[in-house]
Amino acid sequence: MVALELKAYRQKREPRSLERPLPQGGAKMALEEDGVSSNRFIEKELDKKLSTLGKRFDSDILVLIAPMRPPIDELVRDSVEGVENRKDSLTVMLETEGGSIEVVERIADVFRYHYSKEINFIIPNYAMSAGTILAMSGDNILMDYFSVLGPIDPQVRRPSMGDRFVPALGYLAKYDELIKKSASGKLTAAEIAFLVEKFDPAELHQFEQARELSVELLKRWLVQYKFKNWEKTRTTCKVVTQKMKEDRASKIARLLNDTKKWKSHGRGLSKEVLDKELNLIIEDFGADLELRACVRAYYRLLQDFMARVRQSIVVHAPGRYLGL
């Protein structure tokens, strides 16, 4: 359903709300007109609350709630290009279950093309898998105790399954497991049949490429942006070298790609876990009570509005609301 909604967007690229056509006649028409007016009022309130958040960060601000699949990168590009009197910094409120690593790369490139100084990501709820990689392309990540990122498992379109998106690392892990069993002579007839039927060499290569790209981007972005102001270690106050930054980024990428460590692709990694397990510093927006109130006021109103108008995808900058 989401894929169909995204595809339909290609037919029209103007920001809009999904307000359904009004029926003709009588009280019902008047009632629906009231509903449309209410929706417009809520959109204006969302604009006000989002603008307030932008002022807190002295930056432009964008909300992105969507799967990382085409053409969400085009929607983001159009929204960013439509910003007037652009500042040199951007704050992104992100919520996503993940998706394509190639789409994430294009979105990050859009942000960096238009914003040269600083890009911050606020995670009010979750940003999983490829969304975690996108968040780590930022200079700062802001979460509270409830927010989660996730293990990295980029999704790849699989032609043999009707172009369905599947988690790449899950397939690679299962393939490696069966190959090891085969090498030790412990592969059953059923597993041999499964291996022949389910694993296509060309698709496996595509999965490996997605894994390698996710690691490459994560390492590059962490060193270039997240670690750019990391000058001394927290515990020993040693001067941080370029190699130390690269080693830390490599370790984080390796841990986030470790499917056995996290057990589940959908497991949420809290701010505390990211700090203790990955030694990754995350800003706590919950510690600033005023900021927390601003984030939650906007996010709750947006969630209620999305449910009201049956939207699952939102790209919102002040004055430009797109819902699908």
C-alpha atoms as a PDB file:
ATOM      1  CA  MET A   1       0.000   0.000   0.000  1.00  0.00           C
ATOM      2  CA  VAL A   2       2.828   2.382   0.910  1.00  0.00           C
ATOM      3  CA  ALA A   3       4.604   1.582  -2.367  1.00  0.00           C
ATOM      4  CA  LEU A   4       1.460   2.443  -4.313  1.00  0.00           C
ATOM      5  CA  GLU A   5       1.085   5.738  -2.452  1.00  0.00           C
ATOM      6  CA  LEU A   6       4.686   6.668  -3.197  1.00  0.00           C
ATOM      7  CA  LYS A   7       4.290   5.712  -6.846  1.00  0.00           C
ATOM      8  CA  ALA A   8       1.169   7.850  -7.153  1.00  0.00           C
ATOM      9  CA  TYR A   9       3.150  10.866  -5.969  1.00  0.00           C
ATOM     10  CA  ARG A  10       5.128  10.859  -9.219  1.00  0.00           C
ATOM     11  CA  GLN A  11       1.969  12.056 -10.960  1.00  0.00           C
ATOM     12  CA  LYS A  12       1.904  15.278  -8.934  1.00  0.00           C
ATOM     13  CA  ARG A  13       4.727  16.939  -7.049  1.00  0.00           C
ATOM     14  CA  GLU A  14       3.010  19.746  -5.199  1.00  0.00           C
ATOM     15  CA  PRO A  15       2.693  19.728  -1.379  1.00  0.00           C
ATOM     16  CA  ARG A  16      -0.811  18.804  -0.336  1.00  0.00           C
ATOM     17  CA  SER A  17      -2.972  17.260   2.338  1.00  0.00           C
ATOM     18  CA  LEU A  18      -5.023  14.226   1.498  1.00  0.00           C
ATOM     19  CA  GLU A  19      -8.407  15.839   1.815  1.00  0.00           C
ATOM     20  CA  ARG A  20     -11.028  13.650   0.180  1.00  0.00           C
ATOM     21  CA  PRO A  21     -13.462  15.137  -2.391  1.00  0.00           C
ATOM     22  CA  LEU A  22     -16.534  16.619  -0.814  1.00  0.00           C
ATOM     23  CA  PRO A  23     -19.896  14.990  -1.629  1.00  0.00           C
ATOM     24  CA  GLN A  24     -22.588  17.223  -3.087  1.00  0.00           C
ATOM     25  CA  GLY A  25     -25.621  18.300  -1.152  1.00  0.00           C
ATOM     26  CA  GLY A  26     -27.015  19.321   2.188  1.00  0.00           C
ATOM     27  CA  ALA A  27     -25.897  18.837   5.725  1.00  0.00           C
ATOM     28  CA  LYS A  28     -23.399  16.125   4.839  1.00  0.00           C
ATOM     29  CA  MET A  29     -21.529  18.530   2.596  1.00  0.00           C
ATOM     30  CA  ALA A  30     -21.481  21.170   5.311  1.00  0.00           C
ATOM     31  CA  LEU A  31     -20.224  18.594   7.813  1.00  0.00           C
ATOM     32  CA  GLU A  32     -17.377  17.553   5.531  1.00  0.00           C
ATOM     33  CA  GLU A  33     -16.521  21.183   4.857  1.00  0.00           C
ATOM     34  CA  ASP A  34     -16.176  21.615   8.604  1.00  0.00           C
ATOM     35  CA  GLY A  35     -13.853  18.612   8.607  1.00  0.00           C
ATOM     36  CA  VAL A  36     -11.680  20.147   5.902  1.00  0.00           C
ATOM     37  CA  SER A  37     -11.553  23.424   7.834  1.00  0.00           C
ATOM     38  CA  SER A  38     -10.537  21.516  10.959  1.00  0.00           C
ATOM     39  CA  ASN A  39      -7.755  19.775   9.043  1.00  0.00           C
ATOM     40  CA  ARG A  40      -6.442  23.089   7.769  1.00  0.00           C
ATOM     41  CA  PHE A  41      -6.528  24.505  11.282  1.00  0.00           C
ATOM     42  CA  ILE A  42      -4.526  21.531  12.572  1.00  0.00           C
ATOM     43  CA  GLU A  43      -1.982  21.933   9.771  1.00  0.00           C
ATOM     44  CA  LYS A  44      -1.521  25.569  10.797  1.00  0.00           C
ATOM     45  CA  GLU A  45      -1.022  24.497  14.414  1.00  0.00           C
ATOM     46  CA  LEU A  46       1.547  21.940  13.289  1.00  0.00           C
ATOM     47  CA  ASP A  47       3.308  24.704  11.362  1.00  0.00           C
ATOM     48  CA  LYS A  48       3.443  26.902  14.462  1.00  0.00           C
ATOM     49  CA  LYS A  49       4.789  24.144  16.689  1.00  0.00           C
ATOM     50  CA  LEU A  50       7.369  23.100  14.098  1.00  0.00           C
ATOM     51  CA  SER A  51       8.532  26.688  13.601  1.00  0.00           C
ATOM     52  CA  THR A  52       8.982  26.989  17.370  1.00  0.00           C
ATOM     53  CA  LEU A  53      11.239  23.925  17.303  1.00  0.00           C
ATOM     54  CA  GLY A  54      13.242  25.386  14.448  1.00  0.00           C
ATOM     55  CA  LYS A  55      13.818  28.547  16.440  1.00  0.00           C
ATOM     56  CA  ARG A  56      15.089  26.484  19.379  1.00  0.00           C
ATOM     57  CA  PHE A  57      17.839  25.108  17.151  1.00  0.00           C
ATOM     58  CA  ASP A  58      18.311  28.313  15.141  1.00  0.00           C
ATOM     59  CA  SER A  59      17.988  26.180  12.014  1.00  0.00           C
ATOM     60  CA  ASP A  60      15.627  25.137   9.274  1.00  0.00           C
ATOM     61  CA  ILE A  61      13.563  22.133  10.310  1.00  0.00           C
ATOM     62  CA  LEU A  62      12.092  19.172   8.466  1.00  0.00           C
ATOM     63  CA  VAL A  63       9.952  16.263   9.612  1.00  0.00           C
ATOM     64  CA  LEU A  64      10.398  12.954   7.804  1.00  0.00           C
ATOM     65  CA  ILE A  65       8.129  10.030   8.673  1.00  0.00           C
ATOM     66  CA  ALA A  66       8.360   7.406   5.956  1.00  0.00           C
ATOM     67  CA  PRO A  67       9.965   4.161   4.814  1.00  0.00           C
ATOM     68  CA  MET A  68      13.306   4.735   3.111  1.00  0.00           C
ATOM     69  CA  ARG A  69      12.108   3.659  -0.334  1.00  0.00           C
ATOM     70  CA  PRO A  70      11.785   5.433  -3.683  1.00  0.00           C
ATOM     71  CA  PRO A  71      10.618   8.064  -4.301  1.00  0.00           C
ATOM     72  CA  ILE A  72      10.818   9.377  -0.719  1.00  0.00           C
ATOM     73  CA  ASP A  73      14.219  10.823  -1.667  1.00  0.00           C
ATOM     74  CA  GLU A  74      12.474  12.918  -4.331  1.00  0.00           C
ATOM     75  CA  LEU A  75       9.879  14.159  -1.844  1.00  0.00           C
ATOM     76  CA  VAL A  76      12.663  15.226   0.524  1.00  0.00           C
ATOM     77  CA  ARG A  77      14.547  16.962  -2.283  1.00  0.00           C
ATOM     78  CA  ASP A  78      11.425  18.873  -3.348  1.00  0.00           C
ATOM     79  CA  SER A  79      10.668  19.908   0.217  1.00  0.00           C
ATOM     80  CA  VAL A  80      14.205  21.127   0.927  1.00  0.00           C
ATOM     81  CA  GLU A  81      14.431  22.975  -2.386  1.00  0.00           C
ATOM     82  CA  GLY A  82      11.174  24.749  -1.518  1.00  0.00           C
ATOM     83  CA  VAL A  83      12.564  26.286   1.685  1.00  0.00           C
ATOM     84  CA  GLU A  84      12.821  30.066   1.382  1.00  0.00           C
ATOM     85  CA  ASN A  85      15.530  32.142   3.079  1.00  0.00           C
ATOM     86  CA  ARG A  86      17.436  28.959   3.824  1.00  0.00           C
ATOM     87  CA  LYS A  87      19.730  28.881   6.854  1.00  0.00           C
ATOM     88  CA  ASP A  88      23.038  27.015   6.944  1.00  0.00           C
ATOM     89  CA  SER A  89      21.869  24.389   9.457  1.00  0.00           C
ATOM     90  CA  LEU A  90      19.055  21.835   9.414  1.00  0.00           C
ATOM     91  CA  THR A  91      17.241  19.873  12.108  1.00  0.00           C
ATOM     92  CA  VAL A  92      15.432  16.710  11.004  1.00  0.00           C
ATOM     93  CA  MET A  93      12.766  14.966  13.059  1.00  0.00           C
ATOM     94  CA  LEU A  94      13.012  11.384  11.830  1.00  0.00           C
ATOM     95  CA  GLU A  95      10.805   8.325  12.191  1.00  0.00           C
ATOM     96  CA  THR A  96      11.252   5.290   9.949  1.00  0.00           C
ATOM     97  CA  GLU A  97      11.284   1.505  10.010  1.00  0.00           C
ATOM     98  CA  GLY A  98      14.210   1.548   7.568  1.00  0.00           C
ATOM     99  CA  GLY A  99      14.499   0.595   3.934  1.00  0.00           C
ATOM    100  CA  SER A 100      16.964   1.043   1.090  1.00  0.00           C
ATOM    101  CA  ILE A 101      20.504   2.150   1.881  1.00  0.00           C
ATOM    102  CA  GLU A 102      20.761   3.795  -1.565  1.00  0.00           C
ATOM    103  CA  VAL A 103      17.742   5.972  -0.769  1.00  0.00           C
ATOM    104  CA  VAL A 104      19.298   6.955   2.550  1.00  0.00           C
ATOM    105  CA  GLU A 105      22.497   7.984   0.778  1.00  0.00           C
ATOM    106  CA  ARG A 106      20.576  10.208  -1.631  1.00  0.00           C
ATOM    107  CA  ILE A 107      18.637  11.866   1.208  1.00  0.00           C
ATOM    108  CA  ALA A 108      21.836  12.534   3.150  1.00  0.00           C
ATOM    109  CA  ASP A 109      23.408  14.001   0.001  1.00  0.00           C
ATOM    110  CA  VAL A 110      20.406  16.333  -0.399  1.00  0.00           C
ATOM    111  CA  PHE A 111      20.783  17.557   3.181  1.00  0.00           C
ATOM    112  CA  ARG A 112      24.535  18.145   2.850  1.00  0.00           C
ATOM    113  CA  TYR A 113      24.199  19.879  -0.513  1.00  0.00           C
ATOM    114  CA  HIS A 114      21.888  22.530   0.929  1.00  0.00           C
ATOM    115  CA  TYR A 115      23.187  22.764   4.532  1.00  0.00           C
ATOM    116  CA  SER A 116      26.908  23.298   4.963  1.00  0.00           C
ATOM    117  CA  LYS A 117      27.202  24.008   8.677  1.00  0.00           C
ATOM    118  CA  GLU A 118      25.341  21.451  10.768  1.00  0.00           C
ATOM    119  CA  ILE A 119      22.640  18.799  10.518  1.00  0.00           C
ATOM    120  CA  ASN A 120      20.932  17.430  13.626  1.00  0.00           C
ATOM    121  CA  PHE A 121      18.520  14.510  13.936  1.00  0.00           C
ATOM    122  CA  ILE A 122      15.763  14.306  16.557  1.00  0.00           C
ATOM    123  CA  ILE A 123      14.376  10.811  17.183  1.00  0.00           C
ATOM    124  CA  PRO A 124      11.120  11.178  19.146  1.00  0.00           C
ATOM    125  CA  ASN A 125      10.245   7.501  18.767  1.00  0.00           C
ATOM    126  CA  TYR A 126      12.284   5.226  16.460  1.00  0.00           C
ATOM    127  CA  ALA A 127      14.593   5.209  13.431  1.00  0.00           C
ATOM    128  CA  MET A 128      15.449   1.630  12.560  1.00  0.00           C
ATOM    129  CA  SER A 129      17.978  -0.073  10.288  1.00  0.00           C
ATOM    130  CA  ALA A 130      18.695   2.214   7.300  1.00  0.00           C
ATOM    131  CA  GLY A 131      17.105   5.006   9.368  1.00  0.00           C
ATOM    132  CA  THR A 132      19.844   4.490  11.949  1.00  0.00           C
ATOM    133  CA  ILE A 133      22.454   5.051   9.246  1.00  0.00           C
ATOM    134  CA  LEU A 134      20.693   8.237   8.141  1.00  0.00           C
ATOM    135  CA  ALA A 135      20.650   9.515  11.720  1.00  0.00           C
ATOM    136  CA  MET A 136      24.383   8.856  11.984  1.00  0.00           C
ATOM    137  CA  SER A 137      25.022  11.069   8.972  1.00  0.00           C
ATOM    138  CA  GLY A 138      24.220  13.983  11.278  1.00  0.00           C
ATOM    139  CA  ASP A 139      26.511  16.118  13.392  1.00  0.00           C
ATOM    140  CA  ASN A 140      24.326  15.414  16.435  1.00  0.00           C
ATOM    141  CA  ILE A 141      21.641  12.876  17.348  1.00  0.00           C
ATOM    142  CA  LEU A 142      19.020  13.794  19.949  1.00  0.00           C
ATOM    143  CA  MET A 143      17.005  11.111  21.745  1.00  0.00           C
ATOM    144  CA  ASP A 144      15.308  10.667  25.092  1.00  0.00           C
ATOM    145  CA  TYR A 145      14.911   7.545  27.226  1.00  0.00           C
ATOM    146  CA  PHE A 146      12.015   6.309  25.046  1.00  0.00           C
ATOM    147  CA  SER A 147      13.689   6.809  21.642  1.00  0.00           C
ATOM    148  CA  VAL A 148      15.421   3.927  19.868  1.00  0.00           C
ATOM    149  CA  LEU A 149      17.683   3.311  16.915  1.00  0.00           C
ATOM    150  CA  GLY A 150      18.187  -0.193  15.569  1.00  0.00           C
ATOM    151  CA  PRO A 151      20.666  -2.762  14.238  1.00  0.00           C
ATOM    152  CA  ILE A 152      21.645  -2.213  10.619  1.00  0.00           C
ATOM    153  CA  ASP A 153      20.002  -4.564   8.138  1.00  0.00           C
ATOM    154  CA  PRO A 154      19.394  -2.721   4.837  1.00  0.00           C
ATOM    155  CA  GLN A 155      16.436  -3.859   2.772  1.00  0.00           C
ATOM    156  CA  VAL A 156      16.995  -4.963  -0.804  1.00  0.00           C
ATOM    157  CA  ARG A 157      14.398  -5.420  -3.526  1.00  0.00           C
ATOM    158  CA  ARG A 158      14.217  -9.109  -4.462  1.00  0.00           C
ATOM    159  CA  PRO A 159      12.951  -9.730  -8.038  1.00  0.00           C
ATOM    160  CA  SER A 160      12.373 -13.434  -7.382  1.00  0.00           C
ATOM    161  CA  MET A 161       9.790 -12.445  -4.761  1.00  0.00           C
ATOM    162  CA  GLY A 162       7.864  -9.952  -6.852  1.00  0.00           C
ATOM    163  CA  ASP A 163      10.184  -7.003  -6.058  1.00  0.00           C
ATOM    164  CA  ARG A 164       9.453  -7.388  -2.370  1.00  0.00           C
ATOM    165  CA  PHE A 165      11.963  -5.719  -0.032  1.00  0.00           C
ATOM    166  CA  VAL A 166      13.796  -8.182   2.230  1.00  0.00           C
ATOM    167  CA  PRO A 167      16.404  -7.700   5.015  1.00  0.00           C
ATOM    168  CA  ALA A 168      19.800  -8.363   3.428  1.00  0.00           C
ATOM    169  CA  LEU A 169      21.732  -9.435   6.526  1.00  0.00           C
ATOM    170  CA  GLY A 170      19.089 -11.957   7.533  1.00  0.00           C
ATOM    171  CA  TYR A 171      19.478 -13.765   4.219  1.00  0.00           C
ATOM    172  CA  LEU A 172      23.270 -13.601   4.342  1.00  0.00           C
ATOM    173  CA  ALA A 173      23.357 -14.934   7.894  1.00  0.00           C
ATOM    174  CA  LYS A 174      21.148 -17.896   6.977  1.00  0.00           C
ATOM    175  CA  TYR A 175      23.197 -18.588   3.853  1.00  0.00           C
ATOM    176  CA  ASP A 176      26.457 -18.564   5.847  1.00  0.00           C
ATOM    177  CA  GLU A 177      24.915 -20.903   8.409  1.00  0.00           C
ATOM    178  CA  LEU A 178      23.913 -23.432   5.730  1.00  0.00           C
ATOM    179  CA  ILE A 179      27.301 -23.223   4.004  1.00  0.00           C
ATOM    180  CA  LYS A 180      29.087 -23.971   7.302  1.00  0.00           C
ATOM    181  CA  LYS A 181      26.800 -26.952   7.898  1.00  0.00           C
ATOM    182  CA  SER A 182      27.528 -28.148   4.367  1.00  0.00           C
ATOM    183  CA  ALA A 183      31.295 -27.913   4.927  1.00  0.00           C
ATOM    184  CA  SER A 184      30.979 -30.114   8.009  1.00  0.00           C
ATOM    185  CA  GLY A 185      28.713 -32.607   6.230  1.00  0.00           C
ATOM    186  CA  LYS A 186      25.724 -31.886   8.458  1.00  0.00           C
ATOM    187  CA  LEU A 187      23.358 -30.423   5.848  1.00  0.00           C
ATOM    188  CA  THR A 188      20.049 -32.276   5.631  1.00  0.00           C
ATOM    189  CA  ALA A 189      18.224 -33.067   2.379  1.00  0.00           C
ATOM    190  CA  ALA A 190      15.556 -30.507   3.266  1.00  0.00           C
ATOM    191  CA  GLU A 191      18.194 -27.836   3.855  1.00  0.00           C
ATOM    192  CA  ILE A 192      19.885 -28.653   0.549  1.00  0.00           C
ATOM    193  CA  ALA A 193      16.562 -28.200  -1.250  1.00  0.00           C
ATOM    194  CA  PHE A 194      15.977 -24.940   0.614  1.00  0.00           C
ATOM    195  CA  LEU A 195      19.462 -23.695  -0.312  1.00  0.00           C
ATOM    196  CA  VAL A 196      18.972 -24.456  -3.999  1.00  0.00           C
ATOM    197  CA  GLU A 197      15.476 -22.966  -4.140  1.00  0.00           C
ATOM    198  CA  LYS A 198      15.847 -19.826  -2.040  1.00  0.00           C
ATOM    199  CA  PHE A 199      19.350 -18.504  -2.646  1.00  0.00           C
ATOM    200  CA  ASP A 200      20.212 -16.989  -6.005  1.00  0.00           C
ATOM    201  CA  PRO A 201      23.942 -16.127  -6.440  1.00  0.00           C
ATOM    202  CA  ALA A 202      23.166 -12.790  -8.127  1.00  0.00           C
ATOM    203  CA  GLU A 203      20.811 -11.772  -5.321  1.00  0.00           C
ATOM    204  CA  LEU A 204      23.315 -12.859  -2.680  1.00  0.00           C
ATOM    205  CA  HIS A 205      25.897 -10.601  -4.326  1.00  0.00           C
ATOM    206  CA  GLN A 206      23.387  -7.740  -4.195  1.00  0.00           C
ATOM    207  CA  PHE A 207      22.840  -8.412  -0.463  1.00  0.00           C
ATOM    208  CA  GLU A 208      26.602  -8.366   0.133  1.00  0.00           C
ATOM    209  CA  GLN A 209      26.920  -5.063  -1.711  1.00  0.00           C
ATOM    210  CA  ALA A 210      24.142  -3.542   0.408  1.00  0.00           C
ATOM    211  CA  ARG A 211      25.934  -4.680   3.564  1.00  0.00           C
ATOM    212  CA  GLU A 212      29.262  -3.273   2.402  1.00  0.00           C
ATOM    213  CA  LEU A 213      27.690   0.048   1.385  1.00  0.00           C
ATOM    214  CA  SER A 214      25.954   0.414   4.745  1.00  0.00           C
ATOM    215  CA  VAL A 215      29.251  -0.144   6.566  1.00  0.00           C
ATOM    216  CA  GLU A 216      31.134   2.216   4.251  1.00  0.00           C
ATOM    217  CA  LEU A 217      28.604   5.037   4.665  1.00  0.00           C
ATOM    218  CA  LEU A 218      28.371   4.605   8.412  1.00  0.00           C
ATOM    219  CA  LYS A 219      32.145   4.739   8.859  1.00  0.00           C
ATOM    220  CA  ARG A 220      32.557   7.735   6.534  1.00  0.00           C
ATOM    221  CA  TRP A 221      29.694   9.765   8.012  1.00  0.00           C
ATOM    222  CA  LEU A 222      30.641   9.115  11.631  1.00  0.00           C
ATOM    223  CA  VAL A 223      34.238  10.221  11.076  1.00  0.00           C
ATOM    224  CA  GLN A 224      33.320  13.203   8.891  1.00  0.00           C
ATOM    225  CA  TYR A 225      30.388  14.568  10.894  1.00  0.00           C
ATOM    226  CA  LYS A 226      29.548  12.935  14.239  1.00  0.00           C
ATOM    227  CA  PHE A 227      33.180  12.735  15.348  1.00  0.00           C
ATOM    228  CA  LYS A 228      34.392  16.009  13.810  1.00  0.00           C
ATOM    229  CA  ASN A 229      34.479  17.792  17.185  1.00  0.00           C
ATOM    230  CA  TRP A 230      35.689  14.763  19.173  1.00  0.00           C
ATOM    231  CA  GLU A 231      39.025  16.004  20.484  1.00  0.00           C
ATOM    232  CA  LYS A 232      39.609  14.121  23.753  1.00  0.00           C
ATOM    233  CA  THR A 233      38.479  10.755  25.131  1.00  0.00           C
ATOM    234  CA  ARG A 234      35.908  10.832  27.932  1.00  0.00           C
ATOM    235  CA  THR A 235      37.755   8.721  30.500  1.00  0.00           C
ATOM    236  CA  THR A 236      41.483   9.379  29.978  1.00  0.00           C
ATOM    237  CA  CYS A 237      41.322  12.760  28.198  1.00  0.00           C
ATOM    238  CA  LYS A 238      43.709  11.534  25.510  1.00  0.00           C
ATOM    239  CA  VAL A 239      43.954  13.579  22.346  1.00  0.00           C
ATOM    240  CA  VAL A 240      41.828  11.908  19.668  1.00  0.00           C
ATOM    241  CA  THR A 241      43.610  11.126  16.406  1.00  0.00           C
ATOM    242  CA  GLN A 242      42.120  10.521  12.970  1.00  0.00           C
ATOM    243  CA  LYS A 243      42.938   6.822  13.307  1.00  0.00           C
ATOM    244  CA  MET A 244      41.086   6.650  16.636  1.00  0.00           C
ATOM    245  CA  LYS A 245      38.018   8.141  14.955  1.00  0.00           C
ATOM    246  CA  GLU A 246      38.242   5.640  12.110  1.00  0.00           C
ATOM    247  CA  ASP A 247      38.712   2.710  14.507  1.00  0.00           C
ATOM    248  CA  ARG A 248      35.743   3.787  16.611  1.00  0.00           C
ATOM    249  CA  ALA A 249      33.553   4.174  13.517  1.00  0.00           C
ATOM    250  CA  SER A 250      34.610   0.713  12.267  1.00  0.00           C
ATOM    251  CA  LYS A 251      33.758  -0.844  15.627  1.00  0.00           C
ATOM    252  CA  ILE A 252      30.322   0.800  15.711  1.00  0.00           C
ATOM    253  CA  ALA A 253      29.612  -0.352  12.149  1.00  0.00           C
ATOM    254  CA  ARG A 254      30.690  -3.916  13.014  1.00  0.00           C
ATOM    255  CA  LEU A 255      28.545  -4.046  16.155  1.00  0.00           C
ATOM    256  CA  LEU A 256      25.454  -2.651  14.444  1.00  0.00           C
ATOM    257  CA  ASN A 257      25.848  -5.281  11.693  1.00  0.00           C
ATOM    258  CA  ASP A 258      26.135  -8.128  14.218  1.00  0.00           C
ATOM    259  CA  THR A 259      22.761  -9.870  13.873  1.00  0.00           C
ATOM    260  CA  LYS A 260      23.696 -12.476  16.494  1.00  0.00           C
ATOM    261  CA  LYS A 261      24.462  -9.840  19.121  1.00  0.00           C
ATOM    262  CA  TRP A 262      21.111  -8.076  18.856  1.00  0.00           C
ATOM    263  CA  LYS A 263      19.038 -11.254  18.163  1.00  0.00           C
ATOM    264  CA  SER A 264      16.296  -9.366  16.323  1.00  0.00           C
ATOM    265  CA  HIS A 265      16.314  -7.010  13.328  1.00  0.00           C
ATOM    266  CA  GLY A 266      13.504  -5.059  14.990  1.00  0.00           C
ATOM    267  CA  ARG A 267      15.183  -4.688  18.382  1.00  0.00           C
ATOM    268  CA  GLY A 268      15.322  -1.115  19.610  1.00  0.00           C
ATOM    269  CA  LEU A 269      18.620   0.276  20.894  1.00  0.00           C
ATOM    270  CA  SER A 270      18.069   2.968  23.491  1.00  0.00           C
ATOM    271  CA  LYS A 271      20.266   5.966  24.210  1.00  0.00           C
ATOM    272  CA  GLU A 272      21.690   4.092  27.197  1.00  0.00           C
ATOM    273  CA  VAL A 273      22.511   0.999  25.113  1.00  0.00           C
ATOM    274  CA  LEU A 274      24.138   3.102  22.396  1.00  0.00           C
ATOM    275  CA  ASP A 275      26.291   4.773  25.041  1.00  0.00           C
ATOM    276  CA  LYS A 276      27.301   1.617  26.945  1.00  0.00           C
ATOM    277  CA  GLU A 277      27.530  -0.915  24.121  1.00  0.00           C
ATOM    278  CA  LEU A 278      28.757   1.301  21.275  1.00  0.00           C
ATOM    279  CA  ASN A 279      30.383   4.120  23.257  1.00  0.00           C
ATOM    280  CA  LEU A 280      28.409   6.560  21.124  1.00  0.00           C
ATOM    281  CA  ILE A 281      27.428   9.888  22.650  1.00  0.00           C
ATOM    282  CA  ILE A 282      23.781  10.826  22.087  1.00  0.00           C
ATOM    283  CA  GLU A 283      22.296  14.148  23.176  1.00  0.00           C
ATOM    284  CA  ASP A 284      19.349  13.816  25.590  1.00  0.00           C
ATOM    285  CA  PHE A 285      16.550  16.171  24.525  1.00  0.00           C
ATOM    286  CA  GLY A 286      14.551  14.898  27.495  1.00  0.00           C
ATOM    287  CA  ALA A 287      16.975  16.581  29.881  1.00  0.00           C
ATOM    288  CA  ASP A 288      15.818  19.970  28.590  1.00  0.00           C
ATOM    289  CA  LEU A 289      12.236  20.091  29.851  1.00  0.00           C
ATOM    290  CA  GLU A 290      11.222  22.938  27.569  1.00  0.00           C
ATOM    291  CA  LEU A 291      12.671  21.239  24.497  1.00  0.00           C
ATOM    292  CA  ARG A 292      11.072  17.923  25.460  1.00  0.00           C
ATOM    293  CA  ALA A 293       7.704  19.638  25.781  1.00  0.00           C
ATOM    294  CA  CYS A 294       8.104  21.245  22.328  1.00  0.00           C
ATOM    295  CA  VAL A 295       9.078  17.953  20.675  1.00  0.00           C
ATOM    296  CA  ARG A 296       6.277  15.983  22.257  1.00  0.00           C
ATOM    297  CA  ALA A 297       3.612  18.626  21.648  1.00  0.00           C
ATOM    298  CA  TYR A 298       4.381  18.646  17.947  1.00  0.00           C
ATOM    299  CA  TYR A 299       4.822  14.876  17.656  1.00  0.00           C
ATOM    300  CA  ARG A 300       1.590  14.017  19.491  1.00  0.00           C
ATOM    301  CA  LEU A 301      -0.455  16.451  17.422  1.00  0.00           C
ATOM    302  CA  LEU A 302       1.108  15.075  14.233  1.00  0.00           C
ATOM    303  CA  GLN A 303       0.370  11.462  15.214  1.00  0.00           C
ATOM    304  CA  ASP A 304      -3.251  12.336  16.001  1.00  0.00           C
ATOM    305  CA  PHE A 305      -3.592  14.199  12.709  1.00  0.00           C
ATOM    306  CA  MET A 306      -2.058  11.356  10.693  1.00  0.00           C
ATOM    307  CA  ALA A 307      -4.529   8.929  12.254  1.00  0.00           C
ATOM    308  CA  ARG A 308      -7.409  11.328  11.605  1.00  0.00           C
ATOM    309  CA  VAL A 309      -6.680  11.685   7.875  1.00  0.00           C
ATOM    310  CA  ARG A 310      -5.275   8.158   7.469  1.00  0.00           C
ATOM    311  CA  GLN A 311      -1.748   9.102   6.469  1.00  0.00           C
ATOM    312  CA  SER A 312       1.337   6.961   7.007  1.00  0.00           C
ATOM    313  CA  ILE A 313       3.918   9.182   5.305  1.00  0.00           C
ATOM    314  CA  VAL A 314       4.691  12.814   6.116  1.00  0.00           C
ATOM    315  CA  VAL A 315       7.307  15.265   4.883  1.00  0.00           C
ATOM    316  CA  HIS A 316       6.747  18.548   6.687  1.00  0.00           C
ATOM    317  CA  ALA A 317       8.624  21.828   6.634  1.00  0.00           C
ATOM    318  CA  PRO A 318       6.953  25.011   7.909  1.00  0.00           C
ATOM    319  CA  GLY A 319       4.452  26.075   5.278  1.00  0.00           C
ATOM    320  CA  ARG A 320       4.910  22.863   3.264  1.00  0.00           C
ATOM    321  CA  TYR A 321       2.987  19.817   4.511  1.00  0.00           C
ATOM    322  CA  LEU A 322       2.899  16.670   2.400  1.00  0.00           C
ATOM    323  CA  GLY A 323       0.947  13.691   3.709  1.00  0.00           C
ATOM    324  CA  LEU A 324       0.312  10.353   1.993  1.00  0.00           C
END
